[in-house]
Amino acid sequence: MTEIPKWTLSGLMRQIEKTRAGAAGGDGRLIEGRAMAVKASPELGNSTKIVMGTSSLPPDFATVPHSHEAEEVAVILSGSGWVDIDGVSHPMEEGTVLFTPSNSPHQTHSGPHGLTVLWFYAPPGSEVRWLAGEGTQ
């Protein structure tokens, strides 16, 4: 039987926040100013149709506006901020679950304490650039 991957939210949060602080170790990377860790992906061999990972944005940070084919679900684990989707601003705080439609232009902004997110993408593919190290600092 194939081993089923599993994580704890507290463990995911600890690891990605250490990456954001610049600590070595783990599978997180600093990419385009934020910490990113892809945890499940066909590229990693532990999923087939979905991608899961974490991101941690520093305080008062904004991602580059972007879009991707994948639909995205983001679960805010800590911090606050907002995301602009198709020109509409959506506030987020710990516990918010937010859906971003396929190919919708969006930009995420963190508040004064940063923002830590558990995210899911489907279909896979958007994560390949991060696994390849694009934008790594």
N, C-alpha and C. Protein backbone atom coordinates (compact mmCIF):
# COMPACT_ATOMS: atom_id res chain seq x y z
N MET A 1 0.84 -1.19 0.00
CA MET A 1 0.00 0.00 0.00
C MET A 1 0.89 1.24 0.00
N THR A 2 0.50 2.23 -0.77
CA THR A 2 1.22 3.49 -0.85
C THR A 2 1.04 4.27 0.44
N GLU A 3 2.13 4.86 0.90
CA GLU A 3 2.02 5.69 2.11
C GLU A 3 1.29 6.98 1.77
N ILE A 4 0.33 7.32 2.58
CA ILE A 4 -0.47 8.53 2.39
C ILE A 4 0.25 9.70 3.06
N PRO A 5 0.53 10.78 2.30
CA PRO A 5 1.18 11.93 2.95
C PRO A 5 0.22 12.62 3.91
N LYS A 6 0.76 13.08 5.02
CA LYS A 6 -0.06 13.86 5.96
C LYS A 6 0.84 14.83 6.70
N TRP A 7 0.21 15.91 7.15
CA TRP A 7 0.90 16.98 7.84
C TRP A 7 0.00 17.48 8.96
N THR A 8 0.56 18.24 9.88
CA THR A 8 -0.25 18.96 10.86
C THR A 8 -0.21 20.44 10.48
N LEU A 9 -1.28 21.16 10.76
CA LEU A 9 -1.28 22.60 10.48
C LEU A 9 -0.17 23.30 11.25
N SER A 10 0.01 22.92 12.51
CA SER A 10 1.05 23.59 13.31
C SER A 10 2.43 23.31 12.72
N GLY A 11 2.67 22.10 12.25
CA GLY A 11 3.95 21.77 11.64
C GLY A 11 4.17 22.53 10.34
N LEU A 12 3.14 22.62 9.51
CA LEU A 12 3.24 23.39 8.26
C LEU A 12 3.54 24.86 8.56
N MET A 13 2.85 25.41 9.56
CA MET A 13 3.06 26.82 9.91
C MET A 13 4.48 27.05 10.44
N ARG A 14 4.95 26.19 11.31
CA ARG A 14 6.31 26.35 11.85
C ARG A 14 7.34 26.33 10.73
N GLN A 15 7.22 25.36 9.83
CA GLN A 15 8.21 25.23 8.77
C GLN A 15 8.22 26.44 7.84
N ILE A 16 7.05 26.89 7.38
CA ILE A 16 7.02 27.98 6.41
C ILE A 16 7.42 29.30 7.06
N GLU A 17 7.08 29.50 8.34
CA GLU A 17 7.50 30.73 9.01
C GLU A 17 9.00 30.74 9.26
N LYS A 18 9.62 29.57 9.50
CA LYS A 18 11.08 29.49 9.60
C LYS A 18 11.72 29.85 8.26
N THR A 19 11.13 29.35 7.18
CA THR A 19 11.65 29.68 5.85
C THR A 19 11.57 31.18 5.61
N ARG A 20 10.44 31.79 5.98
CA ARG A 20 10.28 33.24 5.80
C ARG A 20 11.33 34.01 6.59
N ALA A 21 11.71 33.49 7.77
CA ALA A 21 12.71 34.14 8.61
C ALA A 21 14.14 33.87 8.13
N GLY A 22 14.28 33.03 7.10
CA GLY A 22 15.61 32.77 6.55
C GLY A 22 16.32 31.58 7.14
N ALA A 23 15.62 30.75 7.93
CA ALA A 23 16.24 29.57 8.53
C ALA A 23 16.45 28.50 7.47
N ALA A 24 17.56 27.78 7.56
CA ALA A 24 17.88 26.71 6.62
C ALA A 24 17.10 25.45 6.98
N GLY A 25 17.01 24.55 6.02
CA GLY A 25 16.38 23.26 6.26
C GLY A 25 14.96 23.24 5.75
N GLY A 26 14.42 22.04 5.60
CA GLY A 26 13.07 21.88 5.10
C GLY A 26 13.00 22.06 3.60
N ASP A 27 11.79 22.05 3.07
CA ASP A 27 11.62 22.13 1.62
C ASP A 27 11.07 23.48 1.17
N GLY A 28 11.01 24.46 2.06
CA GLY A 28 10.54 25.78 1.69
C GLY A 28 11.64 26.59 1.01
N ARG A 29 11.22 27.56 0.21
CA ARG A 29 12.16 28.45 -0.48
C ARG A 29 11.62 29.88 -0.42
N LEU A 30 12.54 30.83 -0.44
CA LEU A 30 12.14 32.23 -0.60
C LEU A 30 12.03 32.49 -2.10
N ILE A 31 10.83 32.81 -2.54
CA ILE A 31 10.55 33.03 -3.96
C ILE A 31 9.78 34.33 -4.10
N GLU A 32 10.34 35.24 -4.89
CA GLU A 32 9.69 36.52 -5.17
C GLU A 32 9.26 37.23 -3.89
N GLY A 33 10.12 37.17 -2.85
CA GLY A 33 9.88 37.90 -1.62
C GLY A 33 9.04 37.21 -0.57
N ARG A 34 8.55 36.02 -0.86
CA ARG A 34 7.71 35.29 0.10
C ARG A 34 8.25 33.87 0.25
N ALA A 35 7.91 33.24 1.35
CA ALA A 35 8.30 31.85 1.56
C ALA A 35 7.24 30.95 0.92
N MET A 36 7.70 29.92 0.21
CA MET A 36 6.81 28.99 -0.48
C MET A 36 7.26 27.57 -0.20
N ALA A 37 6.32 26.67 0.00
CA ALA A 37 6.63 25.24 0.11
C ALA A 37 5.52 24.45 -0.56
N VAL A 38 5.86 23.73 -1.62
CA VAL A 38 4.91 22.83 -2.27
C VAL A 38 5.00 21.49 -1.54
N LYS A 39 3.89 21.02 -1.02
CA LYS A 39 3.88 19.79 -0.21
C LYS A 39 3.32 18.59 -0.96
N ALA A 40 2.36 18.79 -1.86
CA ALA A 40 1.77 17.71 -2.64
C ALA A 40 1.64 18.17 -4.08
N SER A 41 2.11 17.33 -5.01
CA SER A 41 2.10 17.69 -6.43
C SER A 41 2.42 16.44 -7.25
N PRO A 42 1.89 16.34 -8.46
CA PRO A 42 2.33 15.25 -9.33
C PRO A 42 3.85 15.28 -9.55
N GLU A 43 4.42 16.48 -9.57
CA GLU A 43 5.87 16.62 -9.73
C GLU A 43 6.64 15.97 -8.58
N LEU A 44 6.04 15.95 -7.40
CA LEU A 44 6.66 15.33 -6.23
C LEU A 44 6.31 13.85 -6.12
N GLY A 45 5.33 13.41 -6.92
CA GLY A 45 4.94 12.01 -6.92
C GLY A 45 3.97 11.62 -5.82
N ASN A 46 3.39 12.60 -5.13
CA ASN A 46 2.48 12.25 -4.03
C ASN A 46 1.04 12.72 -4.25
N SER A 47 0.70 13.17 -5.46
CA SER A 47 -0.68 13.47 -5.83
C SER A 47 -0.78 13.35 -7.34
N THR A 48 -2.01 13.35 -7.85
CA THR A 48 -2.18 13.26 -9.30
C THR A 48 -2.99 14.41 -9.89
N LYS A 49 -3.94 14.95 -9.13
CA LYS A 49 -4.85 15.94 -9.70
C LYS A 49 -4.95 17.25 -8.93
N ILE A 50 -4.17 17.38 -7.85
CA ILE A 50 -4.24 18.59 -7.04
C ILE A 50 -2.85 18.92 -6.51
N VAL A 51 -2.67 20.17 -6.21
CA VAL A 51 -1.42 20.65 -5.61
C VAL A 51 -1.77 21.31 -4.28
N MET A 52 -0.92 21.10 -3.28
CA MET A 52 -1.13 21.71 -1.96
C MET A 52 0.19 22.25 -1.47
N GLY A 53 0.14 23.40 -0.82
CA GLY A 53 1.35 23.98 -0.25
C GLY A 53 1.04 25.11 0.70
N THR A 54 2.10 25.74 1.15
CA THR A 54 1.97 26.87 2.07
C THR A 54 2.79 28.04 1.56
N SER A 55 2.36 29.22 1.94
CA SER A 55 3.08 30.46 1.66
C SER A 55 3.06 31.32 2.90
N SER A 56 4.12 32.09 3.09
CA SER A 56 4.15 33.05 4.18
C SER A 56 4.70 34.36 3.64
N LEU A 57 3.89 35.39 3.72
CA LEU A 57 4.26 36.71 3.22
C LEU A 57 4.72 37.58 4.38
N PRO A 58 5.79 38.35 4.19
CA PRO A 58 6.23 39.25 5.25
C PRO A 58 5.21 40.38 5.45
N PRO A 59 5.34 41.13 6.54
CA PRO A 59 4.43 42.25 6.77
C PRO A 59 4.43 43.25 5.62
N ASP A 60 3.25 43.78 5.32
CA ASP A 60 3.06 44.85 4.34
C ASP A 60 3.70 44.53 3.00
N PHE A 61 3.43 43.35 2.50
CA PHE A 61 4.01 42.83 1.25
C PHE A 61 2.89 42.66 0.23
N ALA A 62 3.22 42.77 -1.04
CA ALA A 62 2.26 42.49 -2.11
C ALA A 62 2.91 41.57 -3.14
N THR A 63 2.20 40.53 -3.54
CA THR A 63 2.69 39.68 -4.61
C THR A 63 2.60 40.43 -5.93
N VAL A 64 3.28 39.94 -6.92
CA VAL A 64 3.16 40.48 -8.27
C VAL A 64 1.78 40.08 -8.79
N PRO A 65 1.04 41.00 -9.41
CA PRO A 65 -0.25 40.60 -9.98
C PRO A 65 -0.03 39.45 -10.98
N HIS A 66 -0.89 38.45 -10.92
CA HIS A 66 -0.72 37.28 -11.78
C HIS A 66 -2.04 36.54 -11.95
N SER A 67 -2.04 35.58 -12.84
CA SER A 67 -3.17 34.66 -13.01
C SER A 67 -2.59 33.31 -13.39
N HIS A 68 -3.40 32.27 -13.26
CA HIS A 68 -2.99 30.93 -13.65
C HIS A 68 -4.22 30.12 -14.01
N GLU A 69 -3.99 29.07 -14.79
CA GLU A 69 -5.09 28.22 -15.22
C GLU A 69 -5.80 27.56 -14.04
N ALA A 70 -5.04 27.22 -13.02
CA ALA A 70 -5.60 26.50 -11.88
C ALA A 70 -6.60 27.35 -11.10
N GLU A 71 -7.64 26.69 -10.61
CA GLU A 71 -8.48 27.29 -9.58
C GLU A 71 -7.70 27.17 -8.28
N GLU A 72 -7.93 28.11 -7.37
CA GLU A 72 -7.16 28.12 -6.12
C GLU A 72 -8.09 28.31 -4.93
N VAL A 73 -7.84 27.54 -3.89
CA VAL A 73 -8.50 27.74 -2.60
C VAL A 73 -7.41 28.08 -1.60
N ALA A 74 -7.57 29.19 -0.90
CA ALA A 74 -6.60 29.63 0.10
C ALA A 74 -7.26 29.64 1.47
N VAL A 75 -6.58 29.04 2.44
CA VAL A 75 -7.04 29.03 3.83
C VAL A 75 -6.05 29.87 4.63
N ILE A 76 -6.51 30.95 5.25
CA ILE A 76 -5.62 31.84 5.99
C ILE A 76 -5.36 31.22 7.36
N LEU A 77 -4.10 30.86 7.60
CA LEU A 77 -3.70 30.23 8.86
C LEU A 77 -3.35 31.25 9.93
N SER A 78 -2.74 32.36 9.52
CA SER A 78 -2.40 33.42 10.48
C SER A 78 -2.20 34.72 9.74
N GLY A 79 -2.33 35.81 10.47
CA GLY A 79 -2.15 37.13 9.89
C GLY A 79 -3.42 37.64 9.25
N SER A 80 -3.25 38.69 8.46
CA SER A 80 -4.38 39.31 7.77
C SER A 80 -3.87 40.00 6.52
N GLY A 81 -4.81 40.46 5.72
CA GLY A 81 -4.48 41.17 4.49
C GLY A 81 -5.69 41.22 3.60
N TRP A 82 -5.45 41.29 2.31
CA TRP A 82 -6.54 41.28 1.34
C TRP A 82 -5.99 40.78 0.02
N VAL A 83 -6.91 40.33 -0.82
CA VAL A 83 -6.54 39.91 -2.17
C VAL A 83 -7.45 40.63 -3.14
N ASP A 84 -6.85 41.19 -4.17
CA ASP A 84 -7.61 41.80 -5.26
C ASP A 84 -7.80 40.74 -6.33
N ILE A 85 -9.06 40.39 -6.63
CA ILE A 85 -9.39 39.40 -7.66
C ILE A 85 -10.27 40.08 -8.68
N ASP A 86 -9.82 40.10 -9.93
CA ASP A 86 -10.57 40.76 -11.00
C ASP A 86 -10.95 42.19 -10.62
N GLY A 87 -10.04 42.89 -9.92
CA GLY A 87 -10.25 44.28 -9.57
C GLY A 87 -11.10 44.53 -8.33
N VAL A 88 -11.53 43.47 -7.64
CA VAL A 88 -12.34 43.61 -6.43
C VAL A 88 -11.50 43.18 -5.23
N SER A 89 -11.47 44.00 -4.19
CA SER A 89 -10.68 43.73 -2.99
C SER A 89 -11.47 42.88 -2.00
N HIS A 90 -10.82 41.80 -1.50
CA HIS A 90 -11.46 40.89 -0.55
C HIS A 90 -10.60 40.81 0.71
N PRO A 91 -11.07 41.34 1.85
CA PRO A 91 -10.29 41.26 3.09
C PRO A 91 -10.18 39.81 3.57
N MET A 92 -9.04 39.52 4.22
CA MET A 92 -8.80 38.17 4.75
C MET A 92 -8.20 38.29 6.14
N GLU A 93 -8.55 37.32 6.99
CA GLU A 93 -7.96 37.22 8.32
C GLU A 93 -7.88 35.74 8.66
N GLU A 94 -7.26 35.42 9.78
CA GLU A 94 -7.14 34.03 10.19
C GLU A 94 -8.50 33.34 10.14
N GLY A 95 -8.55 32.19 9.47
CA GLY A 95 -9.79 31.43 9.35
C GLY A 95 -10.55 31.67 8.05
N THR A 96 -10.19 32.69 7.29
CA THR A 96 -10.84 32.95 6.01
C THR A 96 -10.48 31.85 5.01
N VAL A 97 -11.47 31.41 4.25
CA VAL A 97 -11.26 30.48 3.14
C VAL A 97 -11.73 31.21 1.88
N LEU A 98 -10.85 31.32 0.89
CA LEU A 98 -11.13 32.14 -0.28
C LEU A 98 -10.89 31.35 -1.55
N PHE A 99 -11.79 31.47 -2.51
CA PHE A 99 -11.68 30.81 -3.81
C PHE A 99 -11.30 31.82 -4.88
N THR A 100 -10.30 31.49 -5.70
CA THR A 100 -9.92 32.31 -6.84
C THR A 100 -10.19 31.51 -8.11
N PRO A 101 -11.06 32.01 -9.00
CA PRO A 101 -11.37 31.28 -10.23
C PRO A 101 -10.18 31.18 -11.18
N SER A 102 -10.24 30.22 -12.06
CA SER A 102 -9.23 30.02 -13.10
C SER A 102 -9.05 31.28 -13.93
N ASN A 103 -7.79 31.60 -14.22
CA ASN A 103 -7.40 32.72 -15.09
C ASN A 103 -7.85 34.09 -14.61
N SER A 104 -8.20 34.22 -13.33
CA SER A 104 -8.58 35.53 -12.77
C SER A 104 -7.34 36.27 -12.31
N PRO A 105 -7.10 37.47 -12.82
CA PRO A 105 -5.97 38.25 -12.32
C PRO A 105 -6.15 38.53 -10.83
N HIS A 106 -5.08 38.31 -10.06
CA HIS A 106 -5.16 38.54 -8.62
C HIS A 106 -3.81 38.96 -8.05
N GLN A 107 -3.89 39.64 -6.92
CA GLN A 107 -2.70 40.12 -6.20
C GLN A 107 -3.02 40.05 -4.71
N THR A 108 -2.11 39.42 -3.95
CA THR A 108 -2.31 39.25 -2.51
C THR A 108 -1.47 40.27 -1.75
N HIS A 109 -2.07 40.88 -0.73
CA HIS A 109 -1.41 41.89 0.11
C HIS A 109 -1.47 41.41 1.56
N SER A 110 -0.34 41.44 2.24
CA SER A 110 -0.33 41.08 3.67
C SER A 110 -0.48 42.33 4.51
N GLY A 111 -1.00 42.15 5.72
CA GLY A 111 -1.14 43.23 6.67
C GLY A 111 0.13 43.43 7.49
N PRO A 112 0.03 44.17 8.59
CA PRO A 112 1.21 44.54 9.38
C PRO A 112 1.89 43.37 10.10
N HIS A 113 1.23 42.21 10.19
CA HIS A 113 1.83 41.04 10.86
C HIS A 113 2.14 39.91 9.89
N GLY A 114 2.07 40.19 8.60
CA GLY A 114 2.31 39.16 7.60
C GLY A 114 1.07 38.31 7.37
N LEU A 115 1.24 37.24 6.59
CA LEU A 115 0.12 36.41 6.20
C LEU A 115 0.65 35.01 5.89
N THR A 116 0.08 34.00 6.53
CA THR A 116 0.47 32.61 6.26
C THR A 116 -0.75 31.87 5.73
N VAL A 117 -0.55 31.19 4.59
CA VAL A 117 -1.65 30.61 3.82
C VAL A 117 -1.38 29.14 3.51
N LEU A 118 -2.41 28.32 3.65
CA LEU A 118 -2.43 26.96 3.13
C LEU A 118 -3.24 27.03 1.85
N TRP A 119 -2.67 26.59 0.72
CA TRP A 119 -3.36 26.73 -0.56
C TRP A 119 -3.45 25.41 -1.30
N PHE A 120 -4.47 25.34 -2.16
CA PHE A 120 -4.73 24.18 -3.00
C PHE A 120 -4.98 24.67 -4.42
N TYR A 121 -4.35 24.03 -5.41
CA TYR A 121 -4.54 24.35 -6.82
C TYR A 121 -5.04 23.10 -7.55
N ALA A 122 -5.93 23.31 -8.50
CA ALA A 122 -6.30 22.24 -9.43
C ALA A 122 -6.74 22.91 -10.74
N PRO A 123 -6.32 22.43 -11.88
CA PRO A 123 -5.41 21.30 -12.06
C PRO A 123 -3.97 21.68 -11.74
N PRO A 124 -3.12 20.68 -11.57
CA PRO A 124 -1.70 20.93 -11.32
C PRO A 124 -1.04 21.62 -12.51
N GLY A 125 0.13 22.17 -12.26
CA GLY A 125 0.94 22.78 -13.32
C GLY A 125 1.54 24.10 -12.91
N SER A 126 0.76 24.93 -12.21
CA SER A 126 1.25 26.25 -11.80
C SER A 126 2.43 26.17 -10.85
N GLU A 127 2.54 25.07 -10.10
CA GLU A 127 3.58 24.93 -9.09
C GLU A 127 4.94 24.57 -9.66
N VAL A 128 4.98 24.13 -10.91
CA VAL A 128 6.23 23.63 -11.49
C VAL A 128 7.32 24.70 -11.44
N ARG A 129 6.96 25.96 -11.67
CA ARG A 129 7.97 27.03 -11.66
C ARG A 129 8.61 27.17 -10.28
N TRP A 130 7.83 26.96 -9.21
CA TRP A 130 8.40 27.07 -7.86
C TRP A 130 9.30 25.89 -7.55
N LEU A 131 8.87 24.69 -7.94
CA LEU A 131 9.70 23.51 -7.71
C LEU A 131 11.01 23.60 -8.48
N ALA A 132 10.97 24.28 -9.64
CA ALA A 132 12.18 24.45 -10.45
C ALA A 132 13.06 25.57 -9.92
N GLY A 133 12.56 26.34 -8.95
CA GLY A 133 13.37 27.40 -8.35
C GLY A 133 13.25 28.75 -9.03
N GLU A 134 12.28 28.93 -9.94
CA GLU A 134 12.11 30.24 -10.58
C GLU A 134 11.79 31.29 -9.53
N GLY A 135 12.47 32.42 -9.60
CA GLY A 135 12.24 33.52 -8.67
C GLY A 135 12.89 33.33 -7.32
N THR A 136 13.68 32.23 -7.15
CA THR A 136 14.32 31.95 -5.86
C THR A 136 15.33 33.03 -5.53
N GLN A 137 15.35 33.40 -4.25
CA GLN A 137 16.29 34.43 -3.81
C GLN A 137 17.43 33.81 -3.06
